[in-house]
């Protein structure tokens, strides 16, 4: 079951992190009144990146725990 938890949490992290990067860029571009284009896409650095990764890691772990509990209840 631990392998499945890692897979679920890992996939969730990848999806959430991608979404977080899109929202990060959307916010920056919207505040500058620029159109959303992939050529304007940036990845935060330093502490901003660490904060983003931390938030997504916590959310992914919570998601993995909840999915595991739901699966146990219905199996």
Protein backbone atom coordinates (compact mmCIF):
# COMPACT_ATOMS: atom_id res chain seq x y z
CA UNK A 1 0.00 0.00 0.00
CA UNK A 2 2.94 2.38 0.62
CA UNK A 3 3.96 2.12 -3.06
CA UNK A 4 0.44 3.09 -4.12
CA UNK A 5 0.49 6.06 -1.69
CA UNK A 6 3.76 7.29 -3.21
CA UNK A 7 2.40 6.92 -6.74
CA UNK A 8 -0.85 8.75 -5.93
CA UNK A 9 0.96 11.50 -4.03
CA UNK A 10 3.62 11.83 -6.74
CA UNK A 11 1.09 12.13 -9.56
CA UNK A 12 -0.96 14.56 -7.49
CA UNK A 13 2.16 16.63 -6.80
CA UNK A 14 3.00 16.81 -10.52
CA UNK A 15 -0.54 17.91 -11.42
CA UNK A 16 -0.83 20.40 -8.53
CA UNK A 17 2.63 21.85 -9.20
CA UNK A 18 1.83 22.36 -12.88
CA UNK A 19 -1.43 24.05 -11.90
CA UNK A 20 0.41 26.21 -9.34
CA UNK A 21 2.89 27.37 -11.99
CA UNK A 22 0.05 28.27 -14.35
CA UNK A 23 -1.71 30.24 -11.59
CA UNK A 24 1.57 31.91 -10.60
CA UNK A 25 2.15 33.06 -14.17
CA UNK A 26 -1.47 34.04 -14.68
CA UNK A 27 -1.32 36.27 -11.60
CA UNK A 28 1.89 37.96 -12.73
CA UNK A 29 0.68 38.51 -16.28
CA UNK A 30 -2.77 39.67 -15.16
CA UNK A 31 -1.25 42.22 -12.77
CA UNK A 32 0.83 43.62 -15.66
CA UNK A 33 -2.10 43.51 -18.12
CA UNK A 34 -0.16 41.15 -20.39
CA UNK A 35 -1.74 38.34 -22.39
CA UNK A 36 -1.18 34.78 -21.21
CA UNK A 37 1.38 33.32 -23.62
CA UNK A 38 3.68 30.39 -23.05
CA UNK A 39 6.58 32.58 -24.17
CA UNK A 40 5.95 34.75 -21.06
CA UNK A 41 5.95 31.68 -18.77
CA UNK A 42 8.40 31.82 -15.86
CA UNK A 43 9.28 29.59 -12.91
CA UNK A 44 9.82 31.25 -9.55
CA UNK A 45 13.28 31.02 -7.99
CA UNK A 46 14.74 30.96 -4.52
CA UNK A 47 12.36 31.31 -1.58
CA UNK A 48 9.35 31.77 -3.86
CA UNK A 49 9.99 28.39 -5.47
CA UNK A 50 10.56 26.76 -2.08
CA UNK A 51 7.28 28.16 -0.75
CA UNK A 52 5.39 26.99 -3.82
CA UNK A 53 6.89 23.50 -3.63
CA UNK A 54 6.11 23.32 0.11
CA UNK A 55 2.47 24.28 -0.37
CA UNK A 56 2.02 21.79 -3.20
CA UNK A 57 3.83 19.05 -1.26
CA UNK A 58 1.51 19.49 1.73
CA UNK A 59 -1.58 19.50 -0.51
CA UNK A 60 -0.37 16.40 -2.36
CA UNK A 61 0.31 14.55 0.88
CA UNK A 62 -3.12 15.44 2.26
CA UNK A 63 -4.68 14.29 -1.00
CA UNK A 64 -2.74 11.00 -0.84
CA UNK A 65 -3.84 10.38 2.76
CA UNK A 66 -7.48 11.12 1.95
CA UNK A 67 -7.45 8.89 -1.14
CA UNK A 68 -5.87 6.07 0.91
CA UNK A 69 -8.56 6.38 3.61
CA UNK A 70 -11.38 6.39 1.06
CA UNK A 71 -9.91 3.35 -0.71
CA UNK A 72 -9.64 1.44 2.58
CA UNK A 73 -13.23 2.28 3.45
CA UNK A 74 -14.59 1.01 0.11
CA UNK A 75 -12.37 -2.06 -0.35
